N, C-alpha and C. Protein backbone atom coordinates (compact mmCIF):
# COMPACT_ATOMS: atom_id res chain seq x y z
N MET A 1 112.88 128.67 77.74
CA MET A 1 113.24 127.64 78.68
C MET A 1 112.20 127.55 79.78
N GLY A 2 111.76 126.34 80.06
CA GLY A 2 110.77 126.13 81.11
C GLY A 2 111.44 125.92 82.45
N GLN A 3 110.62 125.70 83.43
CA GLN A 3 111.15 125.43 84.75
C GLN A 3 111.82 124.06 84.76
N ALA A 4 112.88 123.95 85.56
CA ALA A 4 113.56 122.66 85.68
C ALA A 4 112.64 121.70 86.42
N ARG A 5 112.53 120.50 85.90
CA ARG A 5 111.73 119.48 86.57
C ARG A 5 112.52 118.95 87.76
N PRO A 6 111.83 118.66 88.86
CA PRO A 6 112.55 118.08 89.99
C PRO A 6 113.09 116.71 89.58
N PRO A 7 114.23 116.32 90.13
CA PRO A 7 114.78 115.02 89.75
C PRO A 7 113.87 113.89 90.21
N ARG A 8 113.83 112.84 89.40
CA ARG A 8 113.04 111.68 89.80
C ARG A 8 113.71 111.01 90.98
N ARG A 9 112.93 110.53 91.88
CA ARG A 9 113.44 109.84 93.06
C ARG A 9 113.45 108.35 92.80
N THR A 10 114.21 107.65 93.64
CA THR A 10 114.46 106.22 93.45
C THR A 10 113.98 105.43 94.66
N ALA A 11 113.51 104.22 94.40
CA ALA A 11 113.21 103.26 95.46
C ALA A 11 114.15 102.07 95.29
N LEU A 12 114.77 101.64 96.38
CA LEU A 12 115.58 100.43 96.35
C LEU A 12 114.72 99.27 96.81
N VAL A 13 114.71 98.21 96.03
CA VAL A 13 114.03 96.98 96.41
C VAL A 13 115.12 95.97 96.75
N VAL A 14 115.14 95.54 98.01
CA VAL A 14 116.20 94.65 98.49
C VAL A 14 115.55 93.33 98.89
N GLU A 15 115.73 92.32 98.05
CA GLU A 15 115.08 91.03 98.24
C GLU A 15 115.94 89.96 97.57
N ASP A 16 116.24 88.88 98.29
CA ASP A 16 117.09 87.84 97.71
C ASP A 16 116.31 86.89 96.80
N ASP A 17 115.01 86.78 96.96
CA ASP A 17 114.18 85.94 96.11
C ASP A 17 113.89 86.72 94.82
N ALA A 18 114.44 86.25 93.70
CA ALA A 18 114.36 86.98 92.44
C ALA A 18 112.91 87.24 92.02
N GLU A 19 112.03 86.27 92.22
CA GLU A 19 110.64 86.43 91.81
C GLU A 19 109.94 87.51 92.66
N LEU A 20 110.16 87.48 93.96
CA LEU A 20 109.57 88.50 94.84
C LEU A 20 110.17 89.88 94.57
N ARG A 21 111.48 89.92 94.27
CA ARG A 21 112.13 91.19 93.95
C ARG A 21 111.51 91.78 92.69
N TRP A 22 111.29 90.94 91.67
CA TRP A 22 110.67 91.40 90.43
C TRP A 22 109.24 91.88 90.70
N LEU A 23 108.48 91.14 91.49
CA LEU A 23 107.10 91.51 91.80
C LEU A 23 107.06 92.87 92.54
N SER A 24 107.93 93.03 93.52
CA SER A 24 107.98 94.29 94.28
C SER A 24 108.38 95.44 93.38
N ALA A 25 109.39 95.23 92.55
CA ALA A 25 109.86 96.29 91.64
C ALA A 25 108.78 96.66 90.64
N THR A 26 108.09 95.67 90.10
CA THR A 26 107.02 95.93 89.13
C THR A 26 105.90 96.73 89.78
N LEU A 27 105.55 96.37 91.00
CA LEU A 27 104.51 97.10 91.73
C LEU A 27 104.95 98.55 91.97
N LEU A 28 106.18 98.74 92.44
CA LEU A 28 106.65 100.08 92.78
C LEU A 28 106.86 100.97 91.55
N GLU A 29 106.94 100.37 90.36
CA GLU A 29 107.02 101.19 89.15
C GLU A 29 105.77 102.04 88.98
N GLU A 30 104.66 101.64 89.62
CA GLU A 30 103.42 102.40 89.56
C GLU A 30 103.49 103.68 90.41
N SER A 31 104.53 103.84 91.20
CA SER A 31 104.61 104.93 92.17
C SER A 31 105.36 106.16 91.65
N ASP A 32 105.73 106.19 90.39
CA ASP A 32 106.52 107.31 89.84
C ASP A 32 107.91 107.40 90.46
N LEU A 33 108.40 106.30 90.99
CA LEU A 33 109.77 106.22 91.48
C LEU A 33 110.57 105.35 90.51
N ASP A 34 111.82 105.72 90.29
CA ASP A 34 112.71 104.83 89.56
C ASP A 34 113.06 103.69 90.51
N ILE A 35 113.31 102.51 89.98
CA ILE A 35 113.54 101.34 90.82
C ILE A 35 114.95 100.82 90.61
N VAL A 36 115.63 100.53 91.71
CA VAL A 36 116.92 99.84 91.67
C VAL A 36 116.74 98.57 92.49
N GLU A 37 117.05 97.44 91.88
CA GLU A 37 116.90 96.16 92.57
C GLU A 37 118.25 95.70 93.11
N CYS A 38 118.23 95.19 94.35
CA CYS A 38 119.42 94.65 95.00
C CYS A 38 119.05 93.31 95.63
N GLU A 39 119.99 92.38 95.62
CA GLU A 39 119.69 91.09 96.24
C GLU A 39 120.32 90.93 97.61
N SER A 40 121.03 91.95 98.09
CA SER A 40 121.62 91.87 99.43
C SER A 40 121.66 93.25 100.06
N ALA A 41 121.77 93.27 101.38
CA ALA A 41 121.88 94.54 102.10
C ALA A 41 123.18 95.25 101.73
N GLU A 42 124.24 94.49 101.52
CA GLU A 42 125.53 95.09 101.15
C GLU A 42 125.43 95.82 99.81
N ALA A 43 124.74 95.20 98.85
CA ALA A 43 124.55 95.85 97.54
C ALA A 43 123.72 97.12 97.68
N ALA A 44 122.69 97.08 98.52
CA ALA A 44 121.85 98.25 98.73
C ALA A 44 122.64 99.37 99.39
N LEU A 45 123.48 99.03 100.35
CA LEU A 45 124.28 100.06 101.01
C LEU A 45 125.26 100.70 100.02
N ALA A 46 125.82 99.90 99.12
CA ALA A 46 126.71 100.44 98.09
C ALA A 46 125.96 101.42 97.19
N VAL A 47 124.73 101.09 96.81
CA VAL A 47 123.92 102.01 96.00
C VAL A 47 123.64 103.29 96.79
N MET A 48 123.33 103.15 98.06
CA MET A 48 123.06 104.33 98.89
C MET A 48 124.28 105.24 98.98
N LEU A 49 125.46 104.66 99.10
CA LEU A 49 126.67 105.47 99.20
C LEU A 49 126.92 106.25 97.91
N MET A 50 126.51 105.69 96.77
CA MET A 50 126.71 106.37 95.49
C MET A 50 125.56 107.31 95.13
N ARG A 51 124.33 106.92 95.50
CA ARG A 51 123.15 107.64 95.00
C ARG A 51 122.20 108.08 96.12
N GLY A 52 122.67 108.13 97.35
CA GLY A 52 121.82 108.42 98.51
C GLY A 52 120.84 109.57 98.35
N PRO A 53 121.28 110.72 97.84
CA PRO A 53 120.35 111.85 97.73
C PRO A 53 119.17 111.60 96.78
N GLU A 54 119.32 110.66 95.84
CA GLU A 54 118.24 110.36 94.90
C GLU A 54 117.20 109.42 95.48
N VAL A 55 117.56 108.70 96.54
CA VAL A 55 116.72 107.61 97.05
C VAL A 55 115.66 108.17 97.99
N ALA A 56 114.41 107.81 97.72
CA ALA A 56 113.29 108.23 98.56
C ALA A 56 112.85 107.13 99.51
N MET A 57 113.13 105.87 99.14
CA MET A 57 112.57 104.76 99.91
C MET A 57 113.40 103.49 99.71
N ILE A 58 113.49 102.71 100.78
CA ILE A 58 114.05 101.36 100.70
C ILE A 58 112.96 100.40 101.12
N PHE A 59 112.72 99.40 100.30
CA PHE A 59 111.74 98.34 100.60
C PHE A 59 112.53 97.05 100.64
N ALA A 60 112.75 96.51 101.85
CA ALA A 60 113.69 95.39 102.01
C ALA A 60 113.10 94.26 102.84
N ASP A 61 113.49 93.06 102.46
CA ASP A 61 113.17 91.89 103.27
C ASP A 61 114.03 91.93 104.53
N ILE A 62 113.51 91.40 105.62
CA ILE A 62 114.31 91.33 106.84
C ILE A 62 115.39 90.27 106.71
N ARG A 63 115.00 89.13 106.15
CA ARG A 63 115.96 88.01 106.04
C ARG A 63 116.66 88.08 104.68
N LEU A 64 117.95 88.40 104.74
CA LEU A 64 118.77 88.53 103.53
C LEU A 64 120.07 87.75 103.71
N PRO A 65 120.64 87.26 102.62
CA PRO A 65 121.92 86.56 102.72
C PRO A 65 123.05 87.57 102.95
N GLY A 66 124.17 87.10 103.44
CA GLY A 66 125.31 87.98 103.63
C GLY A 66 125.50 88.33 105.09
N VAL A 67 126.39 89.26 105.34
CA VAL A 67 126.73 89.66 106.71
C VAL A 67 125.59 90.47 107.32
N MET A 68 124.96 91.33 106.51
CA MET A 68 123.89 92.21 107.00
C MET A 68 122.53 91.66 106.58
N ASP A 69 121.54 91.77 107.49
CA ASP A 69 120.17 91.48 107.09
C ASP A 69 119.43 92.81 106.94
N GLY A 70 118.13 92.75 106.74
CA GLY A 70 117.36 93.97 106.53
C GLY A 70 117.37 94.92 107.72
N VAL A 71 117.36 94.36 108.93
CA VAL A 71 117.39 95.20 110.13
C VAL A 71 118.73 95.92 110.23
N ASP A 72 119.81 95.22 109.94
CA ASP A 72 121.14 95.86 109.94
C ASP A 72 121.20 96.97 108.90
N LEU A 73 120.66 96.70 107.72
CA LEU A 73 120.62 97.72 106.66
C LEU A 73 119.82 98.94 107.12
N ALA A 74 118.65 98.70 107.70
CA ALA A 74 117.81 99.80 108.17
C ALA A 74 118.54 100.63 109.22
N ARG A 75 119.23 99.99 110.13
CA ARG A 75 119.96 100.70 111.18
C ARG A 75 121.04 101.60 110.57
N GLU A 76 121.82 101.04 109.65
CA GLU A 76 122.90 101.80 109.00
C GLU A 76 122.33 102.97 108.19
N VAL A 77 121.28 102.72 107.44
CA VAL A 77 120.69 103.76 106.60
C VAL A 77 120.09 104.86 107.45
N LYS A 78 119.38 104.51 108.52
CA LYS A 78 118.75 105.52 109.37
C LYS A 78 119.79 106.38 110.09
N MET A 79 120.98 105.83 110.36
CA MET A 79 122.04 106.64 110.97
C MET A 79 122.55 107.68 109.98
N ARG A 80 122.71 107.29 108.71
CA ARG A 80 123.28 108.18 107.70
C ARG A 80 122.25 109.09 107.03
N TRP A 81 121.05 108.58 106.82
CA TRP A 81 119.97 109.30 106.14
C TRP A 81 118.71 109.18 107.00
N PRO A 82 118.62 109.92 108.09
CA PRO A 82 117.53 109.71 109.05
C PRO A 82 116.13 109.97 108.51
N HIS A 83 115.99 110.78 107.48
CA HIS A 83 114.65 111.10 106.97
C HIS A 83 114.18 110.15 105.86
N LEU A 84 115.02 109.20 105.48
CA LEU A 84 114.68 108.26 104.42
C LEU A 84 113.60 107.29 104.90
N THR A 85 112.62 107.02 104.04
CA THR A 85 111.59 106.02 104.35
C THR A 85 112.18 104.63 104.16
N VAL A 86 112.14 103.83 105.23
CA VAL A 86 112.62 102.46 105.18
C VAL A 86 111.47 101.55 105.59
N VAL A 87 111.15 100.60 104.71
CA VAL A 87 110.08 99.64 104.96
C VAL A 87 110.69 98.25 104.93
N LEU A 88 110.52 97.51 106.02
CA LEU A 88 110.99 96.13 106.07
C LEU A 88 109.79 95.21 106.00
N THR A 89 110.01 94.05 105.41
CA THR A 89 108.94 93.07 105.25
C THR A 89 109.49 91.68 105.50
N SER A 90 108.63 90.79 105.95
CA SER A 90 109.04 89.40 106.16
C SER A 90 107.81 88.55 106.43
N GLY A 91 107.89 87.30 106.03
CA GLY A 91 106.85 86.35 106.39
C GLY A 91 107.19 85.65 107.69
N ASN A 92 108.45 85.76 108.11
CA ASN A 92 108.90 85.11 109.33
C ASN A 92 110.04 85.93 109.94
N PRO A 93 109.71 87.06 110.58
CA PRO A 93 110.77 87.92 111.09
C PRO A 93 111.46 87.41 112.35
N GLY A 94 110.84 86.44 113.03
CA GLY A 94 111.44 85.95 114.27
C GLY A 94 111.56 87.08 115.29
N ASP A 95 112.64 87.09 116.03
CA ASP A 95 112.82 88.12 117.06
C ASP A 95 113.43 89.40 116.51
N ARG A 96 113.70 89.46 115.21
CA ARG A 96 114.30 90.66 114.61
C ARG A 96 113.35 91.87 114.67
N LEU A 97 112.04 91.63 114.76
CA LEU A 97 111.10 92.74 114.84
C LEU A 97 111.36 93.60 116.07
N LYS A 98 111.80 92.98 117.14
CA LYS A 98 112.08 93.71 118.38
C LYS A 98 113.26 94.66 118.22
N GLN A 99 114.07 94.47 117.17
CA GLN A 99 115.28 95.24 116.97
C GLN A 99 115.17 96.28 115.86
N LEU A 100 113.95 96.55 115.41
CA LEU A 100 113.78 97.56 114.37
C LEU A 100 114.19 98.94 114.89
N PRO A 101 114.97 99.67 114.11
CA PRO A 101 115.33 101.04 114.51
C PRO A 101 114.08 101.93 114.51
N PRO A 102 114.10 103.00 115.29
CA PRO A 102 112.97 103.93 115.29
C PRO A 102 112.72 104.49 113.89
N GLY A 103 111.44 104.63 113.56
CA GLY A 103 111.08 105.23 112.28
C GLY A 103 111.03 104.25 111.12
N VAL A 104 111.35 102.97 111.35
CA VAL A 104 111.31 101.97 110.29
C VAL A 104 109.93 101.32 110.30
N LEU A 105 109.30 101.25 109.14
CA LEU A 105 107.98 100.63 109.01
C LEU A 105 108.12 99.13 108.76
N TYR A 106 107.12 98.38 109.18
CA TYR A 106 107.12 96.94 108.94
C TYR A 106 105.80 96.53 108.29
N LEU A 107 105.89 95.80 107.18
CA LEU A 107 104.72 95.22 106.51
C LEU A 107 104.91 93.71 106.47
N PRO A 108 104.04 92.94 107.13
CA PRO A 108 104.19 91.48 107.09
C PRO A 108 103.86 90.94 105.69
N LYS A 109 104.57 89.88 105.31
CA LYS A 109 104.25 89.17 104.06
C LYS A 109 103.15 88.16 104.40
N PRO A 110 102.22 87.95 103.52
CA PRO A 110 102.05 88.64 102.24
C PRO A 110 101.44 90.02 102.48
N TRP A 111 102.08 91.05 101.90
CA TRP A 111 101.59 92.41 102.05
C TRP A 111 100.56 92.69 100.97
N GLN A 112 99.77 93.72 101.21
CA GLN A 112 98.77 94.15 100.24
C GLN A 112 99.42 95.18 99.31
N PRO A 113 99.31 95.00 98.00
CA PRO A 113 99.94 95.95 97.07
C PRO A 113 99.55 97.40 97.33
N LEU A 114 98.30 97.65 97.67
CA LEU A 114 97.87 99.04 97.91
C LEU A 114 98.65 99.64 99.09
N ASN A 115 98.91 98.86 100.14
CA ASN A 115 99.67 99.37 101.28
C ASN A 115 101.09 99.77 100.87
N VAL A 116 101.71 98.97 100.03
CA VAL A 116 103.07 99.27 99.56
C VAL A 116 103.05 100.55 98.72
N LEU A 117 102.07 100.69 97.84
CA LEU A 117 101.97 101.88 97.00
C LEU A 117 101.68 103.14 97.82
N MET A 118 100.89 103.01 98.87
CA MET A 118 100.61 104.17 99.72
C MET A 118 101.88 104.64 100.42
N VAL A 119 102.66 103.71 100.93
CA VAL A 119 103.92 104.07 101.59
C VAL A 119 104.88 104.70 100.58
N ALA A 120 104.94 104.14 99.37
CA ALA A 120 105.82 104.67 98.33
C ALA A 120 105.42 106.09 97.94
N GLU A 121 104.14 106.35 97.85
CA GLU A 121 103.68 107.70 97.49
C GLU A 121 104.04 108.70 98.58
N ARG A 122 103.85 108.31 99.83
CA ARG A 122 104.24 109.21 100.93
C ARG A 122 105.75 109.46 100.90
N ALA A 123 106.53 108.43 100.62
CA ALA A 123 107.99 108.59 100.55
C ALA A 123 108.38 109.52 99.42
N ARG A 124 107.75 109.35 98.27
CA ARG A 124 108.05 110.19 97.11
C ARG A 124 107.73 111.65 97.39
N LEU A 125 106.59 111.90 98.00
CA LEU A 125 106.19 113.28 98.29
C LEU A 125 107.07 113.90 99.36
N SER A 126 107.43 113.16 100.38
CA SER A 126 108.27 113.73 101.44
C SER A 126 109.70 113.95 100.94
N ALA A 127 110.18 113.10 100.04
CA ALA A 127 111.52 113.28 99.47
C ALA A 127 111.56 114.53 98.58
N ARG A 128 110.47 114.82 97.92
CA ARG A 128 110.41 115.99 97.05
C ARG A 128 110.48 117.27 97.85
N ARG A 129 109.91 117.24 99.06
CA ARG A 129 109.95 118.43 99.93
C ARG A 129 111.32 118.59 100.58
N GLY A 130 112.01 117.43 100.81
CA GLY A 130 113.26 117.47 101.56
C GLY A 130 114.44 117.96 100.80
């Protein structure tokens, strides 16, 4: 019997635009993270409640349909899982940028794929240590 492999970590991609969600998920597949796609903050929070310890990173749009937007999701997640990497993105964040919780990263759209992959790799490595 060999050594047990560490469990694979997960990235949540939270984006209401199906094409952008697919593009983000496809890009993040290069990061050695499993990907779970959500189209709303509420769906992402439900995944976190079920699979929180597996999740290394959330990559979410600021503007999302439903009661919660990306900033609300980031605030809730950072309260429950303070060491989780949360990255918010938007092409038009408006005044919501002023309300980002501490420790939440922001990448303006259009983001550079390499920047997203670098953040994902840091999240994967820090989750493995945690």
